[in-house]
Amino acid sequence: MDVGTGIFLGIVQGLTEFLPISSSGHLVFFQHLFGYSEPELFFDVVLHMGTLVAVCLYFRSDIGSMIAGSWFFVKNLSGSAREAVSREQKDHALLTLWVIVGTIPTALIGILFEGPLESLFGSVFAVGIMLVLTGIILGLTRFLPNRFNNRTQVGVLASLAVGCAQGIAVIPGISRSGATIVCGMLFKLERDLAARFSFLLSIPAILGAMLIQLKDVGPAHMHYLSLLAGFFSSALVGLIALKILMGVVRKGKLHYFAPYCWALGLIIIILQLKTIICS
């Protein structure tokens, strides 16, 4: 893989990891387009490292407040001299708790169904079908009334549901961000909170996926410049994509991405059917 291809796939990863159009689906499609029968596992890890850096940078204020709020809350409970816990500190401590709770079903789905889900990465046809399904999921938000999303706290049920949605989104073609944000919105979370929780929940998921992949990674069969190009392009483009998506979610326009998913999914399905018929 040359540097140009590394940059291109990094851009694809950075855009599609956060925009609700499925990063795994696009990477499977483009890697097949470029003639790779199997995804470069080490390169996938590097791209995910780039998007992990992007989400940590974008939500650095939330992450810092969550750490500080949780530490103060735990310290206050265990100490003899208790100090008053502010509402803001309590909210950030609870947000940390909901991220932990939401990570549990994601981890269980990943562990129990790792084999069957990974087998789908070789099926471009399945990617097409799942992209169409992602479009339907995004399209649902068009029918949510403006006053529907009014909850300011995540809660146990919403965090478990969003965690399940994140686990299911391992299937290539299902957008992780789209599935989790829509799931949060269906549980009446405020739009901004649904998006923030989705991306904060992605941090342990990306870290866990990277650790699982690393155990199977052998020596890199790629030039290190290509790896660096993929890393930096995915991180930079990821930051831009995050800013765009957060604005789209706040305006209630998430359904704008549905036609793209439908169009790309149908194109992939038609191309695959044509290949099967002609072979």
C-alpha atoms as a PDB file:
ATOM      1  CA  MET A   1       0.000   0.000   0.000  1.00  0.00           C
ATOM      2  CA  ASP A   2       1.448   3.363  -1.009  1.00  0.00           C
ATOM      3  CA  VAL A   3       1.226   6.647   0.917  1.00  0.00           C
ATOM      4  CA  GLY A   4      -1.576   7.987  -1.296  1.00  0.00           C
ATOM      5  CA  THR A   5      -3.774   4.971  -0.577  1.00  0.00           C
ATOM      6  CA  GLY A   6      -2.969   5.265   3.133  1.00  0.00           C
ATOM      7  CA  ILE A   7      -4.072   8.899   3.147  1.00  0.00           C
ATOM      8  CA  PHE A   8      -7.231   8.079   1.190  1.00  0.00           C
ATOM      9  CA  LEU A   9      -8.273   5.255   3.526  1.00  0.00           C
ATOM     10  CA  GLY A  10      -7.420   7.463   6.517  1.00  0.00           C
ATOM     11  CA  ILE A  11      -9.749  10.137   5.158  1.00  0.00           C
ATOM     12  CA  VAL A  12     -12.453   7.506   4.605  1.00  0.00           C
ATOM     13  CA  GLN A  13     -12.011   6.246   8.181  1.00  0.00           C
ATOM     14  CA  GLY A  14     -12.017   9.751   9.669  1.00  0.00           C
ATOM     15  CA  LEU A  15     -15.202  10.723   7.829  1.00  0.00           C
ATOM     16  CA  THR A  16     -17.145   7.516   8.212  1.00  0.00           C
ATOM     17  CA  GLU A  17     -16.190   6.684  11.818  1.00  0.00           C
ATOM     18  CA  PHE A  18     -18.113   9.710  13.043  1.00  0.00           C
ATOM     19  CA  LEU A  19     -20.520  10.580  10.245  1.00  0.00           C
ATOM     20  CA  PRO A  20     -23.400   8.048  10.416  1.00  0.00           C
ATOM     21  CA  ILE A  21     -22.500   6.188   7.213  1.00  0.00           C
ATOM     22  CA  SER A  22     -20.502   3.203   8.591  1.00  0.00           C
ATOM     23  CA  SER A  23     -16.693   3.248   8.644  1.00  0.00           C
ATOM     24  CA  SER A  24     -16.363  -0.554   8.535  1.00  0.00           C
ATOM     25  CA  GLY A  25     -18.707  -0.765   5.568  1.00  0.00           C
ATOM     26  CA  HIS A  26     -16.748   1.815   3.583  1.00  0.00           C
ATOM     27  CA  LEU A  27     -13.388   0.271   4.467  1.00  0.00           C
ATOM     28  CA  VAL A  28     -14.551  -3.202   3.388  1.00  0.00           C
ATOM     29  CA  PHE A  29     -15.894  -1.748   0.137  1.00  0.00           C
ATOM     30  CA  PHE A  30     -12.803   0.313  -0.714  1.00  0.00           C
ATOM     31  CA  GLN A  31     -10.342  -2.411   0.292  1.00  0.00           C
ATOM     32  CA  HIS A  32     -12.121  -4.773  -2.098  1.00  0.00           C
ATOM     33  CA  LEU A  33     -12.127  -2.012  -4.704  1.00  0.00           C
ATOM     34  CA  PHE A  34      -8.358  -1.678  -4.358  1.00  0.00           C
ATOM     35  CA  GLY A  35      -7.925  -5.443  -4.616  1.00  0.00           C
ATOM     36  CA  TYR A  36      -7.266  -6.442  -1.004  1.00  0.00           C
ATOM     37  CA  SER A  37      -8.976  -9.768  -0.346  1.00  0.00           C
ATOM     38  CA  GLU A  38      -8.424  -9.392   3.406  1.00  0.00           C
ATOM     39  CA  PRO A  39      -8.351  -6.139   5.373  1.00  0.00           C
ATOM     40  CA  GLU A  40      -4.856  -5.113   6.576  1.00  0.00           C
ATOM     41  CA  LEU A  41      -5.433  -5.766  10.274  1.00  0.00           C
ATOM     42  CA  PHE A  42      -2.521  -3.668  11.537  1.00  0.00           C
ATOM     43  CA  PHE A  43      -3.541  -0.785   9.272  1.00  0.00           C
ATOM     44  CA  ASP A  44      -7.113  -0.959  10.628  1.00  0.00           C
ATOM     45  CA  VAL A  45      -5.710  -0.659  14.163  1.00  0.00           C
ATOM     46  CA  VAL A  46      -3.665   2.396  13.161  1.00  0.00           C
ATOM     47  CA  LEU A  47      -6.707   4.066  11.574  1.00  0.00           C
ATOM     48  CA  HIS A  48      -8.762   3.448  14.713  1.00  0.00           C
ATOM     49  CA  MET A  49      -5.947   4.929  16.800  1.00  0.00           C
ATOM     50  CA  GLY A  50      -6.275   8.078  14.703  1.00  0.00           C
ATOM     51  CA  THR A  51     -10.021   8.360  15.265  1.00  0.00           C
ATOM     52  CA  LEU A  52      -9.548   7.594  18.972  1.00  0.00           C
ATOM     53  CA  VAL A  53      -7.180  10.567  19.229  1.00  0.00           C
ATOM     54  CA  ALA A  54      -9.772  12.692  17.409  1.00  0.00           C
ATOM     55  CA  VAL A  55     -12.646  11.850  19.764  1.00  0.00           C
ATOM     56  CA  CYS A  56     -10.455  12.332  22.867  1.00  0.00           C
ATOM     57  CA  LEU A  57      -9.325  15.753  21.630  1.00  0.00           C
ATOM     58  CA  TYR A  58     -12.830  16.891  20.688  1.00  0.00           C
ATOM     59  CA  PHE A  59     -14.401  15.790  23.975  1.00  0.00           C
ATOM     60  CA  ARG A  60     -11.375  16.599  26.159  1.00  0.00           C
ATOM     61  CA  SER A  61     -13.451  18.963  28.299  1.00  0.00           C
ATOM     62  CA  ASP A  62     -16.108  16.306  28.949  1.00  0.00           C
ATOM     63  CA  ILE A  63     -13.474  13.649  29.657  1.00  0.00           C
ATOM     64  CA  GLY A  64     -11.588  15.925  32.068  1.00  0.00           C
ATOM     65  CA  SER A  65     -14.792  16.864  33.897  1.00  0.00           C
ATOM     66  CA  MET A  66     -15.871  13.211  34.097  1.00  0.00           C
ATOM     67  CA  ILE A  67     -12.548  12.173  35.620  1.00  0.00           C
ATOM     68  CA  ALA A  68     -12.535  15.086  38.070  1.00  0.00           C
ATOM     69  CA  GLY A  69     -16.200  14.651  39.006  1.00  0.00           C
ATOM     70  CA  SER A  70     -15.856  10.898  39.531  1.00  0.00           C
ATOM     71  CA  TRP A  71     -12.681  11.286  41.588  1.00  0.00           C
ATOM     72  CA  PHE A  72     -14.264  13.977  43.790  1.00  0.00           C
ATOM     73  CA  PHE A  73     -17.442  11.921  44.232  1.00  0.00           C
ATOM     74  CA  VAL A  74     -15.548   8.737  45.230  1.00  0.00           C
ATOM     75  CA  LYS A  75     -13.156  10.682  47.462  1.00  0.00           C
ATOM     76  CA  ASN A  76     -16.067  12.429  49.143  1.00  0.00           C
ATOM     77  CA  LEU A  77     -17.851   9.147  49.853  1.00  0.00           C
ATOM     78  CA  SER A  78     -14.765   7.462  51.308  1.00  0.00           C
ATOM     79  CA  GLY A  79     -13.409  10.450  53.273  1.00  0.00           C
ATOM     80  CA  SER A  80     -14.255  11.392  56.815  1.00  0.00           C
ATOM     81  CA  ALA A  81     -14.639  15.112  56.085  1.00  0.00           C
ATOM     82  CA  ARG A  82     -17.295  15.325  53.398  1.00  0.00           C
ATOM     83  CA  GLU A  83     -17.608  18.295  51.106  1.00  0.00           C
ATOM     84  CA  ALA A  84     -20.689  19.371  49.230  1.00  0.00           C
ATOM     85  CA  VAL A  85     -20.894  17.797  45.773  1.00  0.00           C
ATOM     86  CA  SER A  86     -22.044  20.274  43.135  1.00  0.00           C
ATOM     87  CA  ARG A  87     -24.757  19.385  40.648  1.00  0.00           C
ATOM     88  CA  GLU A  88     -22.223  19.605  37.809  1.00  0.00           C
ATOM     89  CA  GLN A  89     -19.797  17.230  39.558  1.00  0.00           C
ATOM     90  CA  LYS A  90     -22.610  14.779  40.254  1.00  0.00           C
ATOM     91  CA  ASP A  91     -23.784  14.899  36.619  1.00  0.00           C
ATOM     92  CA  HIS A  92     -20.281  14.173  35.298  1.00  0.00           C
ATOM     93  CA  ALA A  93     -19.799  11.353  37.819  1.00  0.00           C
ATOM     94  CA  LEU A  94     -23.112   9.837  36.692  1.00  0.00           C
ATOM     95  CA  LEU A  95     -22.107  10.213  33.037  1.00  0.00           C
ATOM     96  CA  THR A  96     -18.970   8.191  33.810  1.00  0.00           C
ATOM     97  CA  LEU A  97     -21.144   5.530  35.437  1.00  0.00           C
ATOM     98  CA  TRP A  98     -23.467   5.370  32.415  1.00  0.00           C
ATOM     99  CA  VAL A  99     -20.475   4.947  30.075  1.00  0.00           C
ATOM    100  CA  ILE A 100     -19.289   2.019  32.212  1.00  0.00           C
ATOM    101  CA  VAL A 101     -22.791   0.491  32.232  1.00  0.00           C
ATOM    102  CA  GLY A 102     -23.155   0.938  28.462  1.00  0.00           C
ATOM    103  CA  THR A 103     -19.782  -0.695  27.826  1.00  0.00           C
ATOM    104  CA  ILE A 104     -20.940  -3.970  29.437  1.00  0.00           C
ATOM    105  CA  PRO A 105     -23.422  -5.087  26.724  1.00  0.00           C
ATOM    106  CA  THR A 106     -21.015  -3.897  24.007  1.00  0.00           C
ATOM    107  CA  ALA A 107     -18.265  -6.088  25.463  1.00  0.00           C
ATOM    108  CA  LEU A 108     -20.573  -9.089  25.909  1.00  0.00           C
ATOM    109  CA  ILE A 109     -21.811  -8.900  22.299  1.00  0.00           C
ATOM    110  CA  GLY A 110     -18.231  -8.544  21.050  1.00  0.00           C
ATOM    111  CA  ILE A 111     -17.018 -11.541  23.045  1.00  0.00           C
ATOM    112  CA  LEU A 112     -19.975 -13.875  22.425  1.00  0.00           C
ATOM    113  CA  PHE A 113     -20.476 -13.113  18.740  1.00  0.00           C
ATOM    114  CA  GLU A 114     -16.955 -12.192  17.625  1.00  0.00           C
ATOM    115  CA  GLY A 115     -16.652 -15.064  15.119  1.00  0.00           C
ATOM    116  CA  PRO A 116     -19.997 -14.719  13.291  1.00  0.00           C
ATOM    117  CA  LEU A 117     -19.731 -10.927  13.145  1.00  0.00           C
ATOM    118  CA  GLU A 118     -16.148 -10.969  11.834  1.00  0.00           C
ATOM    119  CA  SER A 119     -17.170 -13.348   9.028  1.00  0.00           C
ATOM    120  CA  LEU A 120     -19.376 -10.576   7.626  1.00  0.00           C
ATOM    121  CA  PHE A 121     -16.295  -8.461   6.891  1.00  0.00           C
ATOM    122  CA  GLY A 122     -15.670 -10.633   3.835  1.00  0.00           C
ATOM    123  CA  SER A 123     -19.134 -10.051   2.380  1.00  0.00           C
ATOM    124  CA  VAL A 124     -19.494  -6.858   0.352  1.00  0.00           C
ATOM    125  CA  PHE A 125     -23.109  -7.841  -0.421  1.00  0.00           C
ATOM    126  CA  ALA A 126     -23.915  -7.866   3.310  1.00  0.00           C
ATOM    127  CA  VAL A 127     -22.374  -4.398   3.590  1.00  0.00           C
ATOM    128  CA  GLY A 128     -24.822  -3.124   0.974  1.00  0.00           C
ATOM    129  CA  ILE A 129     -27.816  -4.531   2.830  1.00  0.00           C
ATOM    130  CA  MET A 130     -26.654  -3.115   6.168  1.00  0.00           C
ATOM    131  CA  LEU A 131     -26.073   0.332   4.638  1.00  0.00           C
ATOM    132  CA  VAL A 132     -29.695   0.357   3.462  1.00  0.00           C
ATOM    133  CA  LEU A 133     -30.732  -0.610   7.018  1.00  0.00           C
ATOM    134  CA  THR A 134     -28.575   2.215   8.414  1.00  0.00           C
ATOM    135  CA  GLY A 135     -30.428   4.616   6.125  1.00  0.00           C
ATOM    136  CA  ILE A 136     -33.741   3.399   7.535  1.00  0.00           C
ATOM    137  CA  ILE A 137     -32.472   3.895  11.107  1.00  0.00           C
ATOM    138  CA  LEU A 138     -31.384   7.452  10.326  1.00  0.00           C
ATOM    139  CA  GLY A 139     -34.644   8.154   8.514  1.00  0.00           C
ATOM    140  CA  LEU A 140     -36.598   7.399  11.698  1.00  0.00           C
ATOM    141  CA  THR A 141     -35.300  10.611  13.276  1.00  0.00           C
ATOM    142  CA  ARG A 142     -37.252  12.615  10.683  1.00  0.00           C
ATOM    143  CA  PHE A 143     -40.451  11.683  12.509  1.00  0.00           C
ATOM    144  CA  LEU A 144     -39.356  12.553  16.062  1.00  0.00           C
ATOM    145  CA  PRO A 145     -41.175  15.677  17.327  1.00  0.00           C
ATOM    146  CA  ASN A 146     -38.951  18.575  18.422  1.00  0.00           C
ATOM    147  CA  ARG A 147     -40.082  18.285  22.050  1.00  0.00           C
ATOM    148  CA  PHE A 148     -39.608  14.518  22.180  1.00  0.00           C
ATOM    149  CA  ASN A 149     -35.941  14.674  23.202  1.00  0.00           C
ATOM    150  CA  ASN A 150     -36.054  16.338  26.617  1.00  0.00           C
ATOM    151  CA  ARG A 151     -34.173  14.013  28.997  1.00  0.00           C
ATOM    152  CA  THR A 152     -31.029  15.500  30.533  1.00  0.00           C
ATOM    153  CA  GLN A 153     -29.804  12.290  32.222  1.00  0.00           C
ATOM    154  CA  VAL A 154     -28.900   9.039  30.482  1.00  0.00           C
ATOM    155  CA  GLY A 155     -30.047   6.465  33.046  1.00  0.00           C
ATOM    156  CA  VAL A 156     -29.579   2.698  33.269  1.00  0.00           C
ATOM    157  CA  LEU A 157     -32.026   1.569  30.580  1.00  0.00           C
ATOM    158  CA  ALA A 158     -30.822   4.066  27.976  1.00  0.00           C
ATOM    159  CA  SER A 159     -27.162   3.294  28.637  1.00  0.00           C
ATOM    160  CA  LEU A 160     -27.760  -0.464  28.310  1.00  0.00           C
ATOM    161  CA  ALA A 161     -29.778   0.008  25.114  1.00  0.00           C
ATOM    162  CA  VAL A 162     -27.177   2.292  23.533  1.00  0.00           C
ATOM    163  CA  GLY A 163     -24.473  -0.197  24.563  1.00  0.00           C
ATOM    164  CA  CYS A 164     -26.381  -2.976  22.801  1.00  0.00           C
ATOM    165  CA  ALA A 165     -26.742  -0.789  19.701  1.00  0.00           C
ATOM    166  CA  GLN A 166     -22.999  -0.193  19.736  1.00  0.00           C
ATOM    167  CA  GLY A 167     -22.314  -3.926  19.980  1.00  0.00           C
ATOM    168  CA  ILE A 168     -24.621  -4.711  17.051  1.00  0.00           C
ATOM    169  CA  ALA A 169     -22.937  -1.958  15.013  1.00  0.00           C
ATOM    170  CA  VAL A 170     -19.823  -4.157  14.761  1.00  0.00           C
ATOM    171  CA  ILE A 171     -21.601  -5.548  11.676  1.00  0.00           C
ATOM    172  CA  PRO A 172     -20.026  -3.763   8.675  1.00  0.00           C
ATOM    173  CA  GLY A 173     -22.516  -1.409   7.068  1.00  0.00           C
ATOM    174  CA  ILE A 174     -24.277  -0.575  10.345  1.00  0.00           C
ATOM    175  CA  SER A 175     -23.125   2.867  11.460  1.00  0.00           C
ATOM    176  CA  ARG A 176     -21.950   2.861  15.066  1.00  0.00           C
ATOM    177  CA  SER A 177     -22.561   6.573  15.528  1.00  0.00           C
ATOM    178  CA  GLY A 178     -25.895   6.443  13.719  1.00  0.00           C
ATOM    179  CA  ALA A 179     -27.203   3.429  15.635  1.00  0.00           C
ATOM    180  CA  THR A 180     -26.136   4.718  19.059  1.00  0.00           C
ATOM    181  CA  ILE A 181     -27.262   8.324  18.582  1.00  0.00           C
ATOM    182  CA  VAL A 182     -30.657   7.269  17.226  1.00  0.00           C
ATOM    183  CA  CYS A 183     -31.056   4.746  20.052  1.00  0.00           C
ATOM    184  CA  GLY A 184     -30.338   7.478  22.598  1.00  0.00           C
ATOM    185  CA  MET A 185     -32.801   9.806  20.897  1.00  0.00           C
ATOM    186  CA  LEU A 186     -35.489   7.107  20.945  1.00  0.00           C
ATOM    187  CA  PHE A 187     -34.975   7.002  24.726  1.00  0.00           C
ATOM    188  CA  LYS A 188     -35.806  10.743  24.723  1.00  0.00           C
ATOM    189  CA  LEU A 189     -32.250  11.946  25.448  1.00  0.00           C
ATOM    190  CA  GLU A 190     -31.580  15.516  24.401  1.00  0.00           C
ATOM    191  CA  ARG A 191     -29.950  15.523  20.975  1.00  0.00           C
ATOM    192  CA  ASP A 192     -26.652  16.937  22.192  1.00  0.00           C
ATOM    193  CA  LEU A 193     -26.535  14.478  25.112  1.00  0.00           C
ATOM    194  CA  ALA A 194     -27.343  11.519  22.821  1.00  0.00           C
ATOM    195  CA  ALA A 195     -24.440  12.460  20.536  1.00  0.00           C
ATOM    196  CA  ARG A 196     -22.006  13.176  23.376  1.00  0.00           C
ATOM    197  CA  PHE A 197     -22.865   9.914  25.111  1.00  0.00           C
ATOM    198  CA  SER A 198     -22.486   8.013  21.833  1.00  0.00           C
ATOM    199  CA  PHE A 199     -18.947   9.253  21.271  1.00  0.00           C
ATOM    200  CA  LEU A 200     -17.853   9.012  24.901  1.00  0.00           C
ATOM    201  CA  LEU A 201     -19.102   5.405  24.851  1.00  0.00           C
ATOM    202  CA  SER A 202     -17.029   4.799  21.723  1.00  0.00           C
ATOM    203  CA  ILE A 203     -13.752   5.414  23.588  1.00  0.00           C
ATOM    204  CA  PRO A 204     -13.683   2.139  25.605  1.00  0.00           C
ATOM    205  CA  ALA A 205     -15.169   0.312  22.594  1.00  0.00           C
ATOM    206  CA  ILE A 206     -12.396   1.485  20.255  1.00  0.00           C
ATOM    207  CA  LEU A 207      -9.750   0.708  22.888  1.00  0.00           C
ATOM    208  CA  GLY A 208     -11.193  -2.769  23.448  1.00  0.00           C
ATOM    209  CA  ALA A 209     -11.394  -3.504  19.712  1.00  0.00           C
ATOM    210  CA  MET A 210      -7.787  -2.368  19.261  1.00  0.00           C
ATOM    211  CA  LEU A 211      -6.573  -4.633  22.073  1.00  0.00           C
ATOM    212  CA  ILE A 212      -8.457  -7.602  20.605  1.00  0.00           C
ATOM    213  CA  GLN A 213      -6.997  -6.935  17.148  1.00  0.00           C
ATOM    214  CA  LEU A 214      -3.472  -6.427  18.446  1.00  0.00           C
ATOM    215  CA  LYS A 215      -3.280  -9.998  19.716  1.00  0.00           C
ATOM    216  CA  ASP A 216      -3.645 -11.207  16.123  1.00  0.00           C
ATOM    217  CA  VAL A 217      -1.376  -8.606  14.534  1.00  0.00           C
ATOM    218  CA  GLY A 218       1.846  -9.888  13.071  1.00  0.00           C
ATOM    219  CA  PRO A 219       4.683  -7.939  11.461  1.00  0.00           C
ATOM    220  CA  ALA A 220       3.418  -4.997   9.412  1.00  0.00           C
ATOM    221  CA  HIS A 221       3.568  -5.658   5.667  1.00  0.00           C
ATOM    222  CA  MET A 222       3.249  -1.965   4.906  1.00  0.00           C
ATOM    223  CA  HIS A 223       5.581   1.000   4.602  1.00  0.00           C
ATOM    224  CA  TYR A 224       5.679   3.007   7.821  1.00  0.00           C
ATOM    225  CA  LEU A 225       5.039   6.246   5.912  1.00  0.00           C
ATOM    226  CA  SER A 226       1.738   4.758   4.750  1.00  0.00           C
ATOM    227  CA  LEU A 227       0.832   3.917   8.351  1.00  0.00           C
ATOM    228  CA  LEU A 228       1.685   7.441   9.552  1.00  0.00           C
ATOM    229  CA  ALA A 229      -0.221   8.994   6.654  1.00  0.00           C
ATOM    230  CA  GLY A 230      -3.291   6.909   7.495  1.00  0.00           C
ATOM    231  CA  PHE A 231      -3.038   7.776  11.198  1.00  0.00           C
ATOM    232  CA  PHE A 232      -2.737  11.547  10.789  1.00  0.00           C
ATOM    233  CA  SER A 233      -5.326  11.804   8.027  1.00  0.00           C
ATOM    234  CA  SER A 234      -7.887   9.792  10.030  1.00  0.00           C
ATOM    235  CA  ALA A 235      -7.255  11.925  13.138  1.00  0.00           C
ATOM    236  CA  LEU A 236      -7.475  15.275  11.337  1.00  0.00           C
ATOM    237  CA  VAL A 237     -10.482  14.405   9.197  1.00  0.00           C
ATOM    238  CA  GLY A 238     -12.118  12.779  12.224  1.00  0.00           C
ATOM    239  CA  LEU A 239     -11.968  16.054  14.155  1.00  0.00           C
ATOM    240  CA  ILE A 240     -13.616  17.869  11.255  1.00  0.00           C
ATOM    241  CA  ALA A 241     -16.289  15.176  10.888  1.00  0.00           C
ATOM    242  CA  LEU A 242     -17.082  15.322  14.610  1.00  0.00           C
ATOM    243  CA  LYS A 243     -17.645  19.070  14.466  1.00  0.00           C
ATOM    244  CA  ILE A 244     -19.916  18.678  11.434  1.00  0.00           C
ATOM    245  CA  LEU A 245     -21.966  15.848  12.954  1.00  0.00           C
ATOM    246  CA  MET A 246     -22.483  17.542  16.313  1.00  0.00           C
ATOM    247  CA  GLY A 247     -23.901  20.549  14.484  1.00  0.00           C
ATOM    248  CA  VAL A 248     -26.172  18.346  12.361  1.00  0.00           C
ATOM    249  CA  VAL A 249     -27.488  16.481  15.422  1.00  0.00           C
ATOM    250  CA  ARG A 250     -28.208  19.694  17.347  1.00  0.00           C
ATOM    251  CA  LYS A 251     -30.242  20.973  14.392  1.00  0.00           C
ATOM    252  CA  GLY A 252     -32.215  17.709  14.194  1.00  0.00           C
ATOM    253  CA  LYS A 253     -31.021  16.934  10.654  1.00  0.00           C
ATOM    254  CA  LEU A 254     -29.547  13.473  11.183  1.00  0.00           C
ATOM    255  CA  HIS A 255     -31.946  12.045   8.594  1.00  0.00           C
ATOM    256  CA  TYR A 256     -30.085  14.005   5.891  1.00  0.00           C
ATOM    257  CA  PHE A 257     -27.545  11.155   5.783  1.00  0.00           C
ATOM    258  CA  ALA A 258     -30.202   8.511   5.011  1.00  0.00           C
ATOM    259  CA  PRO A 259     -30.327   9.036   1.187  1.00  0.00           C
ATOM    260  CA  TYR A 260     -26.546   8.614   0.943  1.00  0.00           C
ATOM    261  CA  CYS A 261     -26.683   5.301   2.814  1.00  0.00           C
ATOM    262  CA  TRP A 262     -29.561   4.081   0.639  1.00  0.00           C
ATOM    263  CA  ALA A 263     -27.814   5.109  -2.582  1.00  0.00           C
ATOM    264  CA  LEU A 264     -24.440   3.562  -1.698  1.00  0.00           C
ATOM    265  CA  GLY A 265     -26.067   0.418  -0.313  1.00  0.00           C
ATOM    266  CA  LEU A 266     -28.134  -0.110  -3.466  1.00  0.00           C
ATOM    267  CA  ILE A 267     -25.103   0.522  -5.701  1.00  0.00           C
ATOM    268  CA  ILE A 268     -23.097  -2.095  -3.806  1.00  0.00           C
ATOM    269  CA  ILE A 269     -25.967  -4.614  -3.964  1.00  0.00           C
ATOM    270  CA  ILE A 270     -26.458  -4.065  -7.712  1.00  0.00           C
ATOM    271  CA  LEU A 271     -22.720  -4.371  -8.442  1.00  0.00           C
ATOM    272  CA  GLN A 272     -22.487  -7.576  -6.419  1.00  0.00           C
ATOM    273  CA  LEU A 273     -25.550  -9.076  -8.116  1.00  0.00           C
ATOM    274  CA  LYS A 274     -24.084  -8.163 -11.498  1.00  0.00           C
ATOM    275  CA  THR A 275     -20.817  -9.871 -10.553  1.00  0.00           C
ATOM    276  CA  ILE A 276     -22.669 -13.021  -9.424  1.00  0.00           C
ATOM    277  CA  ILE A 277     -24.786 -13.135 -12.601  1.00  0.00           C
ATOM    278  CA  CYS A 278     -21.826 -12.581 -14.923  1.00  0.00           C
ATOM    279  CA  SER A 279     -19.583 -15.119 -13.199  1.00  0.00           C
END
